[in-house]
């Protein structure tokens, strides 16, 4: 098995990498949701290591939760409470145990997008 999972968070409102975003990874099995990793983005908006490294990589259903609200508050972009965006969950499947899955987040206070990157 040689696959792994990475991410990258970009603040599209500021045109900068989003530093300090907490990211939690869950494995979804049936109705269960198991936390398997928790990392924070560095000054390049990436984590210092893969979220799901090769040794732990497996096919299945996953969920990344980006703590966008905490980041937006810390950067003065939050606006009035309640925030339009707070925790952002992204659910996705891994069906190829030998591939690199890259799930980036493009973030602004009022919108986000994601895709399978490379």
N, C-alpha and C. Protein backbone atom coordinates (compact mmCIF):
# COMPACT_ATOMS: atom_id res chain seq x y z
N UNK A 1 0.83 -1.17 0.00
CA UNK A 1 0.00 0.00 0.00
C UNK A 1 0.88 1.24 0.00
N UNK A 2 0.60 2.20 -0.89
CA UNK A 2 1.43 3.38 -0.94
C UNK A 2 0.65 4.69 -0.92
N UNK A 3 -0.65 4.64 -0.70
CA UNK A 3 -1.45 5.85 -0.72
C UNK A 3 -1.29 6.68 0.53
N UNK A 4 -1.74 7.94 0.44
CA UNK A 4 -1.76 8.82 1.60
C UNK A 4 -2.72 9.97 1.33
N UNK A 5 -3.07 10.71 2.38
CA UNK A 5 -4.04 11.80 2.31
C UNK A 5 -3.41 13.10 2.78
N UNK A 6 -3.57 14.16 1.97
CA UNK A 6 -3.08 15.49 2.33
C UNK A 6 -4.17 16.52 2.09
N UNK A 7 -3.92 17.74 2.57
CA UNK A 7 -4.82 18.86 2.33
C UNK A 7 -4.01 20.14 2.24
N UNK A 8 -4.69 21.21 1.86
CA UNK A 8 -4.10 22.54 1.75
C UNK A 8 -5.27 23.50 1.93
N UNK A 9 -5.15 24.48 2.81
CA UNK A 9 -6.22 25.44 3.03
C UNK A 9 -5.73 26.81 2.57
N UNK A 10 -6.49 27.39 1.64
CA UNK A 10 -6.16 28.71 1.12
C UNK A 10 -7.27 29.69 1.47
N UNK A 11 -6.88 30.84 1.98
CA UNK A 11 -7.81 31.92 2.31
C UNK A 11 -7.97 32.76 1.05
N UNK A 12 -9.06 32.54 0.31
CA UNK A 12 -9.25 33.24 -0.96
C UNK A 12 -9.63 34.70 -0.77
N UNK A 13 -10.16 35.07 0.39
CA UNK A 13 -10.49 36.47 0.65
C UNK A 13 -9.23 37.31 0.84
N UNK A 14 -8.22 36.72 1.45
CA UNK A 14 -6.97 37.43 1.72
C UNK A 14 -5.88 37.10 0.71
N UNK A 15 -6.10 36.07 -0.09
CA UNK A 15 -5.10 35.66 -1.06
C UNK A 15 -3.86 35.07 -0.43
N UNK A 16 -4.06 34.33 0.69
CA UNK A 16 -2.94 33.77 1.45
C UNK A 16 -3.24 32.34 1.88
N UNK A 17 -2.19 31.57 2.18
CA UNK A 17 -2.43 30.28 2.84
C UNK A 17 -3.08 30.53 4.20
N UNK A 18 -3.95 29.63 4.61
CA UNK A 18 -4.65 29.76 5.90
C UNK A 18 -3.86 29.03 6.98
N UNK A 19 -3.10 29.80 7.75
CA UNK A 19 -2.28 29.24 8.82
C UNK A 19 -3.10 29.10 10.09
N UNK A 20 -2.92 27.97 10.79
CA UNK A 20 -3.55 27.77 12.09
C UNK A 20 -4.94 27.17 12.05
N UNK A 21 -5.34 26.58 10.93
CA UNK A 21 -6.66 25.93 10.84
C UNK A 21 -6.55 24.52 11.41
N UNK A 22 -7.36 24.24 12.41
CA UNK A 22 -7.40 22.87 12.95
C UNK A 22 -8.22 22.00 12.02
N UNK A 23 -7.70 20.81 11.75
CA UNK A 23 -8.36 19.86 10.86
C UNK A 23 -8.46 18.53 11.60
N UNK A 24 -9.67 17.97 11.62
CA UNK A 24 -9.89 16.67 12.26
C UNK A 24 -10.35 15.69 11.19
N UNK A 25 -9.76 14.50 11.19
CA UNK A 25 -10.13 13.45 10.26
C UNK A 25 -10.87 12.35 11.01
N UNK A 26 -12.01 11.95 10.43
CA UNK A 26 -12.81 10.86 10.98
C UNK A 26 -12.92 9.76 9.95
N UNK A 27 -12.95 8.51 10.42
CA UNK A 27 -13.28 7.36 9.58
C UNK A 27 -14.75 7.05 9.85
N UNK A 28 -15.52 6.89 8.78
CA UNK A 28 -16.95 6.61 8.91
C UNK A 28 -17.19 5.15 8.57
N UNK A 29 -17.79 4.43 9.51
CA UNK A 29 -18.10 3.02 9.31
C UNK A 29 -19.52 2.79 9.76
N UNK A 30 -20.40 2.51 8.80
CA UNK A 30 -21.82 2.38 9.15
C UNK A 30 -22.30 3.69 9.75
N UNK A 31 -22.82 3.64 10.95
CA UNK A 31 -23.27 4.85 11.64
C UNK A 31 -22.22 5.43 12.57
N UNK A 32 -21.05 4.78 12.65
CA UNK A 32 -20.01 5.22 13.59
C UNK A 32 -19.08 6.23 12.93
N UNK A 33 -18.58 7.15 13.75
CA UNK A 33 -17.65 8.20 13.32
C UNK A 33 -16.49 8.19 14.30
N UNK A 34 -15.32 7.72 13.84
CA UNK A 34 -14.16 7.56 14.70
C UNK A 34 -13.08 8.59 14.34
N UNK A 35 -12.68 9.41 15.32
CA UNK A 35 -11.60 10.37 15.08
C UNK A 35 -10.29 9.62 14.96
N UNK A 36 -9.55 9.88 13.88
CA UNK A 36 -8.27 9.19 13.70
C UNK A 36 -7.09 10.14 13.56
N UNK A 37 -7.33 11.43 13.39
CA UNK A 37 -6.21 12.37 13.30
C UNK A 37 -6.71 13.78 13.58
N UNK A 38 -5.81 14.59 14.15
CA UNK A 38 -6.09 16.01 14.40
C UNK A 38 -4.78 16.76 14.17
N UNK A 39 -4.81 17.70 13.21
CA UNK A 39 -3.61 18.46 12.87
C UNK A 39 -3.97 19.93 12.69
N UNK A 40 -2.96 20.77 12.56
CA UNK A 40 -3.14 22.21 12.35
C UNK A 40 -2.30 22.62 11.16
N UNK A 41 -2.84 23.52 10.32
CA UNK A 41 -2.09 23.97 9.15
C UNK A 41 -0.92 24.87 9.55
N UNK A 42 0.16 24.76 8.78
CA UNK A 42 1.35 25.57 9.01
C UNK A 42 1.27 26.88 8.23
N UNK A 43 2.37 27.61 8.13
CA UNK A 43 2.34 28.92 7.47
C UNK A 43 2.14 28.83 5.96
N UNK A 44 2.20 27.63 5.40
CA UNK A 44 1.90 27.42 3.99
C UNK A 44 0.48 26.90 3.78
N UNK A 45 -0.32 26.81 4.87
CA UNK A 45 -1.68 26.31 4.77
C UNK A 45 -1.77 24.80 4.64
N UNK A 46 -0.66 24.11 4.87
CA UNK A 46 -0.61 22.65 4.78
C UNK A 46 -0.31 22.08 6.16
N UNK A 47 -0.51 20.80 6.31
CA UNK A 47 -0.10 20.14 7.55
C UNK A 47 1.36 19.69 7.38
N UNK A 48 2.07 19.59 8.48
CA UNK A 48 3.49 19.22 8.42
C UNK A 48 3.72 17.77 8.01
N UNK A 49 2.70 16.97 8.09
CA UNK A 49 2.78 15.57 7.66
C UNK A 49 1.45 15.20 7.03
N UNK A 50 1.39 14.10 6.28
CA UNK A 50 0.11 13.68 5.72
C UNK A 50 -0.93 13.49 6.83
N UNK A 51 -2.16 13.81 6.54
CA UNK A 51 -3.24 13.62 7.51
C UNK A 51 -3.44 12.14 7.77
N UNK A 52 -3.35 11.38 6.73
CA UNK A 52 -3.46 9.92 6.83
C UNK A 52 -2.24 9.35 6.10
N UNK A 53 -1.19 9.00 6.85
CA UNK A 53 0.05 8.52 6.23
C UNK A 53 -0.11 7.12 5.65
N UNK A 54 0.87 6.71 4.88
CA UNK A 54 0.84 5.41 4.20
C UNK A 54 0.56 4.26 5.15
N UNK A 55 1.15 4.27 6.31
CA UNK A 55 1.00 3.15 7.26
C UNK A 55 -0.44 2.98 7.74
N UNK A 56 -1.23 4.05 7.71
CA UNK A 56 -2.61 4.00 8.21
C UNK A 56 -3.65 4.13 7.09
N UNK A 57 -3.20 4.24 5.86
CA UNK A 57 -4.08 4.50 4.73
C UNK A 57 -4.89 3.27 4.37
N UNK A 58 -6.19 3.45 4.20
CA UNK A 58 -7.08 2.34 3.84
C UNK A 58 -8.28 2.90 3.08
N UNK A 59 -8.86 2.05 2.25
CA UNK A 59 -10.06 2.45 1.54
C UNK A 59 -11.20 2.63 2.55
N UNK A 60 -12.21 3.41 2.17
CA UNK A 60 -13.37 3.61 3.02
C UNK A 60 -13.91 5.02 2.91
N UNK A 61 -14.84 5.33 3.80
CA UNK A 61 -15.48 6.65 3.86
C UNK A 61 -14.82 7.46 4.97
N UNK A 62 -14.57 8.74 4.69
CA UNK A 62 -13.89 9.63 5.63
C UNK A 62 -14.59 10.98 5.68
N UNK A 63 -14.27 11.73 6.72
CA UNK A 63 -14.76 13.10 6.85
C UNK A 63 -13.64 13.96 7.41
N UNK A 64 -13.33 15.03 6.70
CA UNK A 64 -12.43 16.06 7.22
C UNK A 64 -13.29 17.18 7.76
N UNK A 65 -12.99 17.67 8.94
CA UNK A 65 -13.71 18.82 9.49
C UNK A 65 -12.69 19.94 9.69
N UNK A 66 -12.90 21.03 8.97
CA UNK A 66 -12.04 22.20 9.03
C UNK A 66 -12.65 23.20 10.01
N UNK A 67 -11.90 23.62 11.02
CA UNK A 67 -12.38 24.59 12.02
C UNK A 67 -12.24 25.99 11.44
N UNK A 68 -13.04 26.29 10.43
CA UNK A 68 -12.97 27.57 9.72
C UNK A 68 -13.37 28.74 10.59
N UNK A 69 -14.37 28.56 11.44
CA UNK A 69 -14.84 29.65 12.28
C UNK A 69 -13.75 30.17 13.21
N UNK A 70 -13.00 29.28 13.82
CA UNK A 70 -11.90 29.70 14.69
C UNK A 70 -10.88 30.50 13.90
N UNK A 71 -10.57 30.04 12.69
CA UNK A 71 -9.62 30.75 11.83
C UNK A 71 -10.16 32.13 11.44
N UNK A 72 -11.42 32.20 11.04
CA UNK A 72 -12.00 33.47 10.62
C UNK A 72 -12.04 34.47 11.78
N UNK A 73 -12.35 33.99 12.99
CA UNK A 73 -12.32 34.87 14.16
C UNK A 73 -10.90 35.37 14.42
N UNK A 74 -9.92 34.48 14.33
CA UNK A 74 -8.53 34.84 14.62
C UNK A 74 -7.97 35.84 13.61
N UNK A 75 -8.49 35.84 12.39
CA UNK A 75 -8.00 36.75 11.36
C UNK A 75 -8.89 37.97 11.17
N UNK A 76 -9.89 38.14 12.04
CA UNK A 76 -10.75 39.32 11.98
C UNK A 76 -11.75 39.31 10.84
N UNK A 77 -12.05 38.14 10.31
CA UNK A 77 -12.97 38.03 9.18
C UNK A 77 -14.33 37.46 9.55
N UNK A 78 -14.57 37.23 10.82
CA UNK A 78 -15.74 36.46 11.23
C UNK A 78 -17.06 37.18 11.03
N UNK A 79 -17.12 38.47 11.27
CA UNK A 79 -18.40 39.15 11.21
C UNK A 79 -19.23 38.84 12.44
N UNK A 80 -20.49 39.19 12.37
CA UNK A 80 -21.40 39.03 13.51
C UNK A 80 -21.76 37.56 13.73
N UNK A 81 -22.01 37.23 14.99
CA UNK A 81 -22.45 35.87 15.35
C UNK A 81 -23.93 35.74 15.07
N UNK A 82 -24.41 34.59 14.70
CA UNK A 82 -23.64 33.39 14.41
C UNK A 82 -22.95 33.51 13.05
N UNK A 83 -21.79 32.86 12.94
CA UNK A 83 -21.03 32.88 11.70
C UNK A 83 -21.79 32.16 10.59
N UNK A 84 -21.61 32.65 9.38
CA UNK A 84 -22.19 31.95 8.23
C UNK A 84 -21.51 30.59 8.07
N UNK A 85 -20.17 30.56 8.20
CA UNK A 85 -19.41 29.31 8.15
C UNK A 85 -18.68 29.12 9.46
N UNK A 86 -18.75 27.93 10.01
CA UNK A 86 -18.01 27.62 11.23
C UNK A 86 -17.22 26.35 10.95
N UNK A 87 -17.61 25.23 11.48
CA UNK A 87 -16.94 23.98 11.14
C UNK A 87 -17.43 23.54 9.75
N UNK A 88 -16.49 23.19 8.89
CA UNK A 88 -16.83 22.77 7.53
C UNK A 88 -16.49 21.28 7.38
N UNK A 89 -17.52 20.43 7.29
CA UNK A 89 -17.26 18.99 7.07
C UNK A 89 -17.20 18.68 5.58
N UNK A 90 -16.24 17.85 5.21
CA UNK A 90 -16.12 17.38 3.83
C UNK A 90 -16.04 15.87 3.89
N UNK A 91 -17.09 15.20 3.36
CA UNK A 91 -17.13 13.73 3.34
C UNK A 91 -16.71 13.25 1.97
N UNK A 92 -15.90 12.20 1.97
CA UNK A 92 -15.37 11.68 0.71
C UNK A 92 -15.01 10.21 0.88
N UNK A 93 -14.85 9.54 -0.23
CA UNK A 93 -14.47 8.13 -0.22
C UNK A 93 -13.10 7.92 -0.80
N UNK A 94 -12.39 6.96 -0.25
CA UNK A 94 -11.10 6.52 -0.78
C UNK A 94 -11.31 5.11 -1.31
N UNK A 95 -11.13 4.93 -2.61
CA UNK A 95 -11.36 3.61 -3.20
C UNK A 95 -10.12 3.00 -3.83
N UNK A 96 -9.00 3.72 -3.76
CA UNK A 96 -7.75 3.22 -4.33
C UNK A 96 -6.65 3.34 -3.28
N UNK A 97 -6.28 2.23 -2.69
CA UNK A 97 -5.32 2.23 -1.58
C UNK A 97 -3.90 2.59 -2.01
N UNK A 98 -3.66 2.71 -3.31
CA UNK A 98 -2.33 3.03 -3.80
C UNK A 98 -2.21 4.46 -4.32
N UNK A 99 -3.21 5.29 -4.10
CA UNK A 99 -3.21 6.65 -4.64
C UNK A 99 -2.98 7.71 -3.58
N UNK A 100 -2.55 8.87 -4.05
CA UNK A 100 -2.46 10.06 -3.21
C UNK A 100 -3.80 10.79 -3.34
N UNK A 101 -4.47 10.98 -2.22
CA UNK A 101 -5.71 11.76 -2.19
C UNK A 101 -5.37 13.11 -1.57
N UNK A 102 -5.66 14.18 -2.30
CA UNK A 102 -5.41 15.54 -1.82
C UNK A 102 -6.76 16.24 -1.82
N UNK A 103 -7.19 16.71 -0.64
CA UNK A 103 -8.50 17.34 -0.49
C UNK A 103 -8.28 18.76 0.03
N UNK A 104 -8.08 19.73 -0.89
CA UNK A 104 -7.85 21.11 -0.47
C UNK A 104 -9.15 21.84 -0.15
N UNK A 105 -9.02 22.92 0.61
CA UNK A 105 -10.17 23.77 0.93
C UNK A 105 -9.82 25.19 0.54
N UNK A 106 -10.66 25.80 -0.30
CA UNK A 106 -10.56 27.22 -0.63
C UNK A 106 -11.60 27.92 0.22
N UNK A 107 -11.18 28.86 1.04
CA UNK A 107 -12.03 29.40 2.10
C UNK A 107 -12.15 30.91 2.03
N UNK A 108 -13.36 31.41 2.26
CA UNK A 108 -13.60 32.83 2.51
C UNK A 108 -14.70 32.89 3.58
N UNK A 109 -15.00 34.06 4.14
CA UNK A 109 -16.00 34.11 5.21
C UNK A 109 -17.41 33.66 4.78
N UNK A 110 -17.71 33.71 3.48
CA UNK A 110 -19.06 33.40 3.04
C UNK A 110 -19.12 32.32 1.97
N UNK A 111 -18.05 31.57 1.81
CA UNK A 111 -18.07 30.49 0.84
C UNK A 111 -16.83 29.64 0.92
N UNK A 112 -16.93 28.44 0.37
CA UNK A 112 -15.79 27.54 0.31
C UNK A 112 -15.98 26.60 -0.88
N UNK A 113 -14.89 26.00 -1.31
CA UNK A 113 -14.97 24.95 -2.31
C UNK A 113 -13.86 23.95 -2.03
N UNK A 114 -14.05 22.76 -2.56
CA UNK A 114 -13.08 21.69 -2.41
C UNK A 114 -13.11 20.85 -3.67
N UNK A 115 -12.12 20.02 -3.82
CA UNK A 115 -12.02 19.15 -4.98
C UNK A 115 -10.97 18.10 -4.69
N UNK A 116 -10.88 17.10 -5.54
CA UNK A 116 -9.78 16.13 -5.39
C UNK A 116 -8.61 16.66 -6.19
N UNK A 117 -7.59 17.06 -5.48
CA UNK A 117 -6.39 17.61 -6.13
C UNK A 117 -5.35 16.54 -6.35
N UNK A 118 -4.16 17.01 -6.63
CA UNK A 118 -3.05 16.07 -6.89
C UNK A 118 -1.87 16.41 -6.00
